[in-house]
C-alpha cells in the first residue's frame, strides 16, 4: 500500500476500496491494523491496549470496502463487552512533557504529537513542564491517530455533521494558525476546567531533585489520579 504502489492503486487496487478517497487513507488504517494484529498474534498483553481505539480503525477500513458489511461487523462486535470485563489497571493517567505539544485556545484543549506513538489505555493526561506537574489533569475525551493536518482538511471537518469531526477541525485550524506545520499527527482532545471528569490537584507537584538522575519524564510515564491527588512531589508517584 506504500507510495511505490501508486500505479497499481490507480489501475486496479482502488476497486477493492470503493469507499476510500485516497490510497494514503487506506495505508494509514492498514498500518495501524497491522501493528495491532501483530500484538495479538504474538500474544502480547492487551491489558494496556486501547482496544476500542484499534477497532475503530478496523471498522473504518471495512467501511471503505463495504459499508453494509462494516455496519454488520459493528453489530456483532464483542470487543467492548469483553474489554469492560478485563482487570482494571490502576495506571489510568499518562504524564507527558507539555513543551509545545499542548494546545490551549479558549474552549479548545488538545495534545498533539507524532503519529503512531504508542500510549497505554488511559483516561487522563497530566503535564510536566518546568520541573513540575501542573494542577490540571484533563480527561481524554477523544483520540485520533495518523490525522492529515492541513487547512483544507480542517475546513472539511468543520463542515461535517458530526460533532466530533467539527471539534477536531477547530483544533486543527487553531494549531495551524499557531504555527504547527502541516503533515500527520496524533491528537488527544482534552477536557477543560469545569468539566465533570476534569481533575484539579490542590497544588503543582514539583521535582525537588537536581543533577544526574533527576529527570522525571522525557517521553511519557504512567501513574494514577489517586497517586496524583495524594503525592507530595513527583517522586511519590
Foldseek 3Di string as FASTA:
>chain_A
DDPVCQVVCVPPVLLQQQQDDDPVVLVVLVVLLVVVVVCVVVVHDCLFPPVVQNVVSVLVSVCRRPVVVSVVCVVPDCPVVVNVPDDHDQFQEKEFAQPPQWDDDPQFTKGKAAAPDDDTHHFWYWHADPQWTAFKIWGFPDKDGFDFQDLVCLVVQCPDPDPVSVSVSVVSVVVVVVPDDTDTIIMTTTHDPPPPRIGGEPGIAGQPDDDPPSDLDDGMDTHHPVQVNPDNHSVSD
